[in-house]
Amino acid sequence: MSKRSHFHLTDLGCIACEDLTDFGAGKEGWLAPDASTTILCALDAHSLAIANRYLILILGWSDQDEHRVKIRPELSPIEAEHITAIEWLVFEDIKVIAAGTSRGFLLLYSLRGDLIHRQMVYPGRILKLRVRGTKKHLTQDILSEEVCVVIPGVIARFDGTDIQSMLQRWFQETHSRFWDQKPKKDSEDIGNSYGRLPYQLWNVNKYGSCVDAAITGIMPPPLMELQSSQRYYCAVTIGDDAVISAFRLSEDRNRSLVGAILSKVVPATFSTIASFSKMIWRSEQTSNKSEEKPQSFARASPLTCLKDHPRKGEKLTLSPSGTLAAITDSLGRILLLDTQALVVVRLWKGYRDANCFFIEMLVNRDAIGSSSSYYEPRKSDYCLCLAIHAPRKGIVEVWQMRTGPRLLTIQCAKGCRLLQPTYRFGSSLDSPYVPLEVFLLNGDSGQLSVLNRFLN
């Protein structure tokens, strides 16, 4: 039987401040996931980033007097460009905020609000920025850290080492200016000074446009295909036409005819519409630089799909290893997918508008530490669980994976949102082990709390 108690939460701090009025703070339920104006949130160890369509606010929750930063990206008013996704990129000595726009641009900003990098990924609305580490080889425990960009029908993958190298160049140049003053750069070069980030691009529109997607990890090459040094990734997508779809992503750019046509037609159509809009608005601004063109698609081979009209996929979250995915749908169900076997292994019903995160907990803390007065839990001591926020019920539940019971139920206010800190690059080398945690942010009070990692 599950436990019902607020003692399973530990209060950490408060984010309440006047700057939040720009996001609707002060109105009941302004932060609720079903609010009319969707507010984007990204959490780090001691910082929270909140964004609406045109503004990003960075604030700390542990110190009320900590300096807050407002970022107003330069967006295209002609094409109604706006912010559609945000996420932290946290390296050992550098931390930046990443933003995706409705035109398919990836923007990187410093903690001072300076634009570091601006790059077109693909013409279209960026739905999600997903940061995680996956195994680089099937037989070796070597991590490949990545940033996955999700666009309707398209997945892009940036390697973490490429982003880190670019940010290190920016960091070194920025700090060298204190000693060697350099002439200011042309405004057109801002955001493009440190080179273009290489990335891989796949068309996953076989079963219809997706609303969320993730690269779950590497997978074996297809049968009857010669072994090569290139890697194959498994991607899972969810959408309106197919609740769940799976693809094998290849690094090879020998793409299908459909992929070749889309890679040519879509950018050309996007460019034509943009040019026509500028003619209507009689834009007098001219640019000597040519329009950025997205790169060609690499090969994406469909593996399977689940169609169950009128069910539609809504949100997707991955376990740390990528072997499990929790998927919410429009019928109020939550599907637990084994991403290796591509089989649904568990189903919950009656959770409309739910939000899920995987969490690691010490289910039996007394048994673990009974042999010593001081014991630092290891990774193997933690149990993988799924935290489910059901806003219509006003509760957060924690279920043990894969087929375990419900461990606890926590009452929460209507205007709450479940958050999880972003993946930290290089965190696999941390000692002692830092488990996955889930935080609860009460928008009405501004209180931020963490779910306790033990159940005793």
Protein backbone atom coordinates (compact mmCIF):
# COMPACT_ATOMS: atom_id res chain seq x y z
CA MET A 1 0.00 0.00 0.00
CA SER A 2 1.35 3.42 -0.93
CA LYS A 3 2.23 6.07 1.63
CA ARG A 4 0.44 9.45 1.56
CA SER A 5 2.49 12.20 3.18
CA HIS A 6 4.03 15.58 2.56
CA PHE A 7 7.04 14.49 4.60
CA HIS A 8 8.43 12.93 1.45
CA LEU A 9 9.27 16.44 0.22
CA THR A 10 12.16 18.64 1.34
CA ASP A 11 11.81 22.39 0.79
CA LEU A 12 14.85 23.94 -0.90
CA GLY A 13 14.02 27.56 -1.61
CA CYS A 14 11.67 30.04 -3.19
CA ILE A 15 11.72 31.67 -6.63
CA ALA A 16 9.07 34.33 -5.94
CA CYS A 17 10.15 37.73 -7.34
CA GLU A 18 8.74 40.70 -9.24
CA ASP A 19 10.40 39.61 -12.50
CA LEU A 20 8.01 36.67 -12.71
CA THR A 21 5.08 39.00 -13.38
CA ASP A 22 6.25 39.07 -17.02
CA PHE A 23 5.28 35.38 -17.16
CA GLY A 24 1.89 35.74 -15.51
CA ALA A 25 2.90 35.12 -11.89
CA GLY A 26 0.24 36.33 -9.50
CA LYS A 27 -2.57 34.60 -11.37
CA GLU A 28 -3.68 31.29 -9.92
CA GLY A 29 -2.33 28.33 -11.86
CA TRP A 30 -0.05 30.43 -14.11
CA LEU A 31 2.61 27.70 -14.12
CA ALA A 32 0.21 24.78 -14.59
CA PRO A 33 1.04 22.60 -17.61
CA ASP A 34 -2.46 23.18 -19.01
CA ALA A 35 -2.22 26.97 -18.75
CA SER A 36 -3.35 28.94 -21.80
CA THR A 37 0.12 30.46 -22.16
CA THR A 38 2.66 27.66 -21.88
CA ILE A 39 5.66 28.54 -19.74
CA LEU A 40 8.91 26.69 -20.47
CA CYS A 41 11.11 25.63 -17.55
CA ALA A 42 14.63 24.19 -17.31
CA LEU A 43 16.21 23.27 -13.97
CA ASP A 44 19.86 23.01 -12.97
CA ALA A 45 21.52 22.32 -9.62
CA HIS A 46 21.04 25.88 -8.31
CA SER A 47 19.40 27.75 -11.18
CA LEU A 48 16.05 27.85 -12.89
CA ALA A 49 15.39 29.15 -16.40
CA ILE A 50 11.84 30.22 -17.26
CA ALA A 51 10.78 31.33 -20.74
CA ASN A 52 7.71 32.54 -22.58
CA ARG A 53 7.52 33.28 -26.30
CA TYR A 54 10.00 36.18 -26.27
CA LEU A 55 11.80 36.30 -22.91
CA ILE A 56 14.09 34.04 -20.87
CA LEU A 57 14.60 34.64 -17.14
CA ILE A 58 17.47 33.01 -15.23
CA LEU A 59 17.15 33.04 -11.46
CA GLY A 60 18.48 31.16 -8.45
CA TRP A 61 16.27 29.44 -5.92
CA SER A 62 18.73 29.07 -3.05
CA ASP A 63 19.46 32.80 -2.61
CA GLN A 64 16.75 35.47 -2.97
CA ASP A 65 19.38 38.19 -3.45
CA GLU A 66 21.13 36.36 -6.29
CA HIS A 67 21.40 38.37 -9.49
CA ARG A 68 18.72 37.58 -12.06
CA VAL A 69 19.29 37.74 -15.81
CA LYS A 70 16.76 38.56 -18.51
CA ILE A 71 17.47 37.47 -22.07
CA ARG A 72 15.49 38.83 -25.00
CA PRO A 73 16.62 36.95 -28.13
CA GLU A 74 16.62 38.79 -31.44
CA LEU A 75 13.76 37.04 -33.23
CA SER A 76 12.24 37.68 -36.64
CA PRO A 77 9.05 39.79 -36.25
CA ILE A 78 8.13 39.24 -39.91
CA GLU A 79 7.89 35.47 -39.49
CA ALA A 80 6.48 35.63 -35.92
CA GLU A 81 9.51 33.76 -34.59
CA HIS A 82 9.34 32.84 -30.90
CA ILE A 83 11.00 30.63 -28.28
CA THR A 84 9.73 27.04 -28.31
CA ALA A 85 12.24 25.10 -26.16
CA ILE A 86 14.93 25.77 -23.54
CA GLU A 87 17.50 23.59 -21.76
CA TRP A 88 20.69 23.93 -19.74
CA LEU A 89 24.03 22.75 -21.14
CA VAL A 90 26.25 22.09 -18.12
CA PHE A 91 29.91 21.16 -18.49
CA GLU A 92 32.60 20.91 -15.83
CA ASP A 93 33.57 24.58 -15.95
CA ILE A 94 31.03 26.12 -18.34
CA LYS A 95 27.27 26.47 -18.08
CA VAL A 96 25.07 28.01 -20.77
CA ILE A 97 21.38 28.14 -21.63
CA ALA A 98 20.20 26.74 -24.97
CA ALA A 99 17.01 27.89 -26.70
CA GLY A 100 15.19 26.60 -29.76
CA THR A 101 12.93 28.78 -31.90
CA SER A 102 9.89 28.30 -34.11
CA ARG A 103 12.08 28.79 -37.21
CA GLY A 104 14.47 25.97 -36.32
CA PHE A 105 17.35 28.02 -34.90
CA LEU A 106 19.47 26.84 -31.97
CA LEU A 107 20.67 29.69 -29.73
CA LEU A 108 23.28 29.46 -26.96
CA TYR A 109 23.51 32.19 -24.30
CA SER A 110 25.94 32.83 -21.48
CA LEU A 111 24.79 33.40 -17.89
CA ARG A 112 25.26 37.13 -18.53
CA GLY A 113 22.80 36.99 -21.40
CA ASP A 114 25.36 37.27 -24.22
CA LEU A 115 24.65 35.38 -27.44
CA ILE A 116 27.41 32.80 -27.98
CA HIS A 117 26.13 30.82 -30.93
CA ARG A 118 23.25 30.88 -33.43
CA GLN A 119 22.73 28.11 -35.95
CA MET A 120 19.94 26.87 -38.20
CA VAL A 121 19.17 23.20 -37.55
CA TYR A 122 16.21 22.68 -39.89
CA PRO A 123 13.29 24.91 -40.98
CA GLY A 124 10.55 24.13 -38.51
CA ARG A 125 9.48 24.47 -34.89
CA ILE A 126 11.97 23.05 -32.39
CA LEU A 127 9.82 20.99 -30.03
CA LYS A 128 12.40 19.67 -27.60
CA LEU A 129 16.06 19.93 -26.60
CA ARG A 130 17.13 16.68 -24.96
CA VAL A 131 20.53 16.29 -23.25
CA ARG A 132 21.76 12.83 -22.23
CA GLY A 133 24.60 10.34 -22.26
CA THR A 134 24.43 7.01 -24.09
CA LYS A 135 26.85 4.12 -24.60
CA LYS A 136 29.23 4.72 -27.50
CA HIS A 137 29.77 0.99 -28.08
CA LEU A 138 27.51 -2.00 -27.46
CA THR A 139 30.18 -3.94 -25.57
CA GLN A 140 31.96 -1.08 -23.77
CA ASP A 141 30.81 1.24 -21.01
CA ILE A 142 32.00 4.37 -22.83
CA LEU A 143 29.53 7.23 -22.86
CA SER A 144 28.67 9.33 -25.87
CA GLU A 145 27.09 12.56 -24.66
CA GLU A 146 24.71 14.36 -26.97
CA VAL A 147 22.13 17.07 -27.49
CA CYS A 148 19.10 15.85 -29.41
CA VAL A 149 16.95 18.45 -31.21
CA VAL A 150 13.39 17.39 -32.04
CA ILE A 151 11.49 19.06 -34.90
CA PRO A 152 8.21 17.73 -36.37
CA GLY A 153 9.29 14.78 -38.51
CA VAL A 154 13.01 15.46 -37.97
CA ILE A 155 15.67 14.53 -35.39
CA ALA A 156 19.08 16.21 -35.14
CA ARG A 157 21.99 15.03 -33.00
CA PHE A 158 24.86 17.23 -31.78
CA ASP A 159 27.83 15.53 -30.14
CA GLY A 160 28.64 16.87 -26.68
CA THR A 161 32.38 17.06 -27.39
CA ASP A 162 31.79 19.38 -30.37
CA ILE A 163 29.67 21.74 -28.26
CA GLN A 164 32.21 21.66 -25.45
CA SER A 165 35.09 22.50 -27.82
CA MET A 166 33.18 25.46 -29.23
CA LEU A 167 32.28 26.74 -25.75
CA GLN A 168 35.90 26.41 -24.63
CA ARG A 169 36.98 28.60 -27.57
CA TRP A 170 34.36 31.14 -26.57
CA PHE A 171 35.44 31.01 -22.92
CA GLN A 172 39.12 31.49 -23.73
CA GLU A 173 38.47 34.37 -26.11
CA THR A 174 36.10 36.08 -23.69
CA HIS A 175 38.59 35.99 -20.82
CA SER A 176 41.49 37.05 -23.05
CA ARG A 177 39.70 40.32 -23.82
CA PHE A 178 40.44 41.54 -20.31
CA TRP A 179 44.14 41.55 -21.21
CA ASP A 180 44.07 42.16 -24.93
CA GLN A 181 41.35 44.52 -26.11
CA LYS A 182 40.15 43.54 -29.57
CA PRO A 183 37.98 45.53 -31.96
CA LYS A 184 34.27 44.87 -31.67
CA LYS A 185 32.86 42.38 -34.12
CA ASP A 186 30.25 43.18 -36.71
CA SER A 187 26.74 42.61 -35.36
CA GLU A 188 26.12 40.17 -38.21
CA ASP A 189 28.95 37.95 -36.97
CA ILE A 190 27.59 37.72 -33.42
CA GLY A 191 26.58 34.13 -32.79
CA ASN A 192 28.74 32.78 -35.63
CA SER A 193 32.23 33.63 -34.39
CA TYR A 194 33.27 30.20 -33.16
CA GLY A 195 32.45 28.03 -36.15
CA ARG A 196 29.46 25.95 -37.20
CA LEU A 197 28.61 22.97 -35.01
CA PRO A 198 28.59 19.68 -36.95
CA TYR A 199 25.52 17.53 -36.46
CA GLN A 200 23.55 14.62 -37.90
CA LEU A 201 20.05 14.98 -39.31
CA TRP A 202 17.37 12.33 -39.93
CA ASN A 203 13.91 12.38 -41.46
CA VAL A 204 11.54 10.34 -39.24
CA ASN A 205 8.31 11.36 -40.98
CA LYS A 206 7.49 7.88 -42.30
CA TYR A 207 4.47 7.42 -40.03
CA GLY A 208 3.47 11.07 -39.78
CA SER A 209 4.79 14.11 -37.98
CA CYS A 210 6.05 13.61 -34.43
CA VAL A 211 5.36 15.73 -31.35
CA ASP A 212 8.26 14.31 -29.33
CA ALA A 213 11.17 11.97 -29.96
CA ALA A 214 14.37 10.66 -28.42
CA ILE A 215 17.50 8.78 -29.40
CA THR A 216 17.47 5.87 -26.96
CA GLY A 217 20.99 4.58 -27.64
CA ILE A 218 23.07 2.64 -30.15
CA MET A 219 21.85 -0.58 -31.73
CA PRO A 220 23.32 -3.40 -33.86
CA PRO A 221 23.51 -2.92 -37.63
CA PRO A 222 20.79 -4.51 -39.76
CA LEU A 223 21.12 -8.14 -40.78
CA MET A 224 22.83 -9.01 -44.07
CA GLU A 225 24.71 -5.70 -44.01
CA LEU A 226 28.49 -5.48 -44.05
CA GLN A 227 30.06 -4.47 -40.76
CA SER A 228 31.48 -0.99 -40.75
CA SER A 229 32.87 1.54 -38.30
CA GLN A 230 29.73 3.69 -38.43
CA ARG A 231 27.26 3.59 -35.55
CA TYR A 232 23.53 2.96 -35.66
CA TYR A 233 21.15 4.62 -33.23
CA CYS A 234 17.63 3.69 -32.19
CA ALA A 235 15.09 6.51 -32.14
CA VAL A 236 11.57 6.44 -30.71
CA THR A 237 9.00 9.00 -31.86
CA ILE A 238 5.42 9.72 -30.78
CA GLY A 239 2.77 11.65 -32.64
CA ASP A 240 -0.82 12.06 -33.82
CA ASP A 241 -0.83 9.44 -36.58
CA ALA A 242 1.30 6.81 -34.84
CA VAL A 243 1.32 6.70 -31.05
CA ILE A 244 4.77 5.07 -31.07
CA SER A 245 7.25 4.67 -33.93
CA ALA A 246 10.81 3.37 -33.93
CA PHE A 247 13.65 3.94 -36.40
CA ARG A 248 17.20 2.76 -36.98
CA LEU A 249 19.34 5.85 -37.58
CA SER A 250 22.49 5.48 -39.64
CA GLU A 251 25.44 7.85 -39.91
CA ASP A 252 25.41 7.16 -43.64
CA ARG A 253 23.92 9.96 -45.76
CA ASN A 254 22.90 7.64 -48.59
CA ARG A 255 19.26 8.46 -48.14
CA SER A 256 16.04 7.40 -49.78
CA LEU A 257 14.35 9.26 -52.66
CA VAL A 258 11.75 10.72 -50.28
CA GLY A 259 14.48 12.01 -47.99
CA ALA A 260 16.31 13.57 -50.91
CA ILE A 261 13.16 15.32 -52.14
CA LEU A 262 12.27 16.62 -48.66
CA SER A 263 15.78 17.93 -48.05
CA LYS A 264 15.48 20.02 -51.22
CA VAL A 265 11.82 20.99 -51.36
CA VAL A 266 11.21 22.01 -47.73
CA PRO A 267 14.12 24.48 -47.47
CA ALA A 268 13.21 25.95 -50.88
CA THR A 269 9.57 26.37 -49.87
CA PHE A 270 10.59 27.89 -46.53
CA SER A 271 12.92 30.33 -48.31
CA THR A 272 10.21 31.30 -50.85
CA ILE A 273 7.65 32.02 -48.11
CA ALA A 274 10.20 34.06 -46.17
CA SER A 275 11.08 36.11 -49.26
CA PHE A 276 7.42 36.71 -50.08
CA SER A 277 6.74 37.85 -46.50
CA LYS A 278 9.57 40.36 -46.70
CA MET A 279 8.15 41.76 -49.96
CA ILE A 280 4.73 42.24 -48.36
CA TRP A 281 6.19 44.00 -45.35
CA ARG A 282 8.52 46.02 -47.60
CA SER A 283 11.53 45.19 -45.55
CA GLU A 284 14.33 47.61 -46.34
CA GLN A 285 16.98 45.59 -44.58
CA THR A 286 19.33 43.73 -46.89
CA SER A 287 21.84 41.09 -45.95
CA ASN A 288 24.98 40.19 -47.84
CA LYS A 289 25.06 36.79 -46.23
CA SER A 290 23.25 33.94 -47.95
CA GLU A 291 20.46 32.08 -46.19
CA GLU A 292 21.58 29.13 -44.09
CA LYS A 293 20.66 25.85 -45.72
CA PRO A 294 20.11 22.70 -43.66
CA GLN A 295 22.28 19.74 -44.43
CA SER A 296 21.03 16.61 -46.16
CA PHE A 297 19.35 13.79 -44.28
CA ALA A 298 21.18 10.68 -43.18
CA ARG A 299 19.46 7.33 -43.57
CA ALA A 300 16.58 6.46 -41.19
CA SER A 301 15.04 2.99 -41.54
CA PRO A 302 11.60 2.36 -39.97
CA LEU A 303 11.45 -0.53 -37.51
CA THR A 304 7.89 -0.58 -36.19
CA CYS A 305 4.92 1.60 -35.33
CA LEU A 306 1.78 1.45 -33.19
CA LYS A 307 -1.36 3.07 -34.64
CA ASP A 308 -4.44 3.16 -32.44
CA HIS A 309 -6.84 5.88 -33.60
CA PRO A 310 -7.93 8.16 -31.97
CA ARG A 311 -5.09 7.76 -29.46
CA LYS A 312 -2.29 10.33 -29.91
CA GLY A 313 1.13 10.43 -28.30
CA GLU A 314 1.82 13.54 -26.21
CA LYS A 315 5.02 13.38 -24.11
CA LEU A 316 8.02 11.07 -23.83
CA THR A 317 10.65 10.63 -21.14
CA LEU A 318 13.63 8.25 -21.07
CA SER A 319 15.24 6.27 -18.27
CA PRO A 320 18.96 6.99 -17.61
CA SER A 321 20.08 3.95 -19.62
CA GLY A 322 17.58 4.62 -22.39
CA THR A 323 16.14 1.09 -22.11
CA LEU A 324 12.75 2.33 -20.85
CA ALA A 325 10.51 5.14 -22.08
CA ALA A 326 7.36 6.48 -20.43
CA ILE A 327 4.87 7.81 -22.98
CA THR A 328 1.68 9.73 -22.23
CA ASP A 329 -1.22 9.82 -24.69
CA SER A 330 -4.42 11.75 -25.37
CA LEU A 331 -6.62 9.08 -23.73
CA GLY A 332 -5.07 9.59 -20.30
CA ARG A 333 -2.85 6.51 -20.44
CA ILE A 334 0.84 6.08 -19.68
CA LEU A 335 2.73 3.40 -21.62
CA LEU A 336 6.02 1.98 -20.38
CA LEU A 337 8.02 0.97 -23.44
CA ASP A 338 11.01 -1.38 -23.53
CA THR A 339 13.08 0.45 -26.14
CA GLN A 340 15.26 -2.57 -26.91
CA ALA A 341 12.49 -5.09 -27.50
CA LEU A 342 10.13 -2.30 -28.68
CA VAL A 343 7.31 -3.76 -26.57
CA VAL A 344 4.94 -2.02 -24.15
CA VAL A 345 5.56 -3.73 -20.79
CA ARG A 346 3.20 -1.74 -18.57
CA LEU A 347 0.15 0.50 -18.81
CA TRP A 348 -1.48 3.01 -16.48
CA LYS A 349 -4.97 4.47 -17.06
CA GLY A 350 -6.71 7.62 -15.87
CA TYR A 351 -3.81 10.09 -16.02
CA ARG A 352 -4.86 12.87 -18.41
CA ASP A 353 -2.32 15.69 -18.91
CA ALA A 354 0.21 13.70 -16.87
CA ASN A 355 3.92 14.47 -16.74
CA CYS A 356 6.48 11.76 -15.95
CA PHE A 357 10.12 11.56 -14.90
CA PHE A 358 12.29 8.62 -13.92
CA ILE A 359 13.74 8.83 -10.42
CA GLU A 360 16.19 6.70 -8.41
CA MET A 361 15.25 5.96 -4.81
CA LEU A 362 16.54 4.00 -1.81
CA VAL A 363 13.55 1.77 -1.21
CA ASN A 364 15.04 0.06 1.89
CA ARG A 365 17.50 2.48 3.42
CA ASP A 366 17.84 0.64 6.77
CA ALA A 367 18.93 -2.64 5.18
CA ILE A 368 21.53 -0.88 3.04
CA GLY A 369 23.23 0.94 5.90
CA SER A 370 22.84 -1.71 8.62
CA SER A 371 26.43 -2.93 8.37
CA SER A 372 28.03 0.44 9.09
CA SER A 373 27.23 3.66 10.91
CA TYR A 374 28.23 5.59 7.81
CA TYR A 375 27.55 4.27 4.36
CA GLU A 376 27.60 6.10 1.05
CA PRO A 377 25.01 4.50 -1.27
CA ARG A 378 26.30 3.25 -4.58
CA LYS A 379 24.51 3.19 -7.89
CA SER A 380 23.49 -0.44 -7.39
CA ASP A 381 21.71 0.48 -4.12
CA TYR A 382 19.17 2.68 -5.89
CA CYS A 383 15.94 1.42 -7.40
CA LEU A 384 14.59 2.88 -10.62
CA CYS A 385 11.11 4.36 -10.22
CA LEU A 386 8.71 6.49 -12.22
CA ALA A 387 7.28 9.72 -10.78
CA ILE A 388 3.90 10.61 -12.29
CA HIS A 389 2.37 14.04 -11.82
CA ALA A 390 -1.39 13.93 -12.37
CA PRO A 391 -2.45 17.62 -12.29
CA ARG A 392 -6.16 16.84 -12.59
CA LYS A 393 -5.95 14.66 -9.47
CA GLY A 394 -3.57 17.03 -7.68
CA ILE A 395 -1.13 14.24 -6.81
CA VAL A 396 2.36 12.92 -7.54
CA GLU A 397 2.79 9.15 -7.48
CA VAL A 398 5.99 7.10 -7.45
CA TRP A 399 5.92 3.60 -8.95
CA GLN A 400 8.72 1.02 -8.79
CA MET A 401 10.06 -0.23 -12.15
CA ARG A 402 9.32 -2.31 -14.03
CA THR A 403 6.38 -4.08 -12.48
CA GLY A 404 6.68 -2.98 -8.86
CA PRO A 405 3.97 -1.40 -6.69
CA ARG A 406 3.08 2.23 -6.10
CA LEU A 407 5.46 3.36 -3.37
CA LEU A 408 3.97 6.68 -2.35
CA THR A 409 1.43 9.37 -3.18
CA ILE A 410 2.00 13.07 -2.53
CA GLN A 411 -0.70 15.73 -2.56
CA CYS A 412 0.23 18.87 -4.49
CA ALA A 413 -1.40 22.18 -5.40
CA LYS A 414 -3.02 22.79 -8.77
CA GLY A 415 -0.36 25.21 -9.98
CA CYS A 416 2.56 22.80 -9.49
CA ARG A 417 4.97 21.49 -12.07
CA LEU A 418 7.28 18.48 -11.92
CA LEU A 419 10.87 19.23 -12.96
CA GLN A 420 14.14 17.35 -13.29
CA PRO A 421 17.66 18.83 -13.48
CA THR A 422 19.31 18.54 -16.86
CA TYR A 423 22.00 15.95 -17.53
CA ARG A 424 25.46 17.23 -16.61
CA PHE A 425 28.19 16.40 -19.13
CA GLY A 426 30.81 14.19 -17.51
CA SER A 427 28.50 13.28 -14.61
CA SER A 428 29.14 9.55 -15.16
CA LEU A 429 32.59 10.07 -13.61
CA ASP A 430 31.20 11.71 -10.46
CA SER A 431 32.01 10.13 -7.11
CA PRO A 432 30.00 9.58 -4.97
CA TYR A 433 27.18 8.64 -7.31
CA VAL A 434 24.50 11.29 -7.74
CA PRO A 435 21.09 9.67 -8.33
CA LEU A 436 18.27 10.97 -10.49
CA GLU A 437 16.07 13.37 -8.54
CA VAL A 438 12.71 14.99 -9.20
CA PHE A 439 11.67 18.45 -8.02
CA LEU A 440 8.23 19.97 -7.46
CA LEU A 441 7.74 23.66 -8.17
CA ASN A 442 4.65 25.36 -6.77
CA GLY A 443 3.96 28.28 -9.08
CA ASP A 444 1.47 29.97 -6.76
CA SER A 445 3.79 30.09 -3.73
CA GLY A 446 7.13 29.95 -5.58
CA GLN A 447 8.30 27.10 -3.34
CA LEU A 448 10.72 24.55 -4.81
CA SER A 449 10.92 21.12 -3.17
CA VAL A 450 12.70 17.85 -3.90
CA LEU A 451 11.29 14.36 -3.51
CA ASN A 452 13.27 12.55 -0.85
CA ARG A 453 15.32 9.68 -2.25
CA PHE A 454 14.55 7.21 0.56
CA LEU A 455 11.33 5.48 1.62
CA ASN A 456 11.42 4.65 5.34
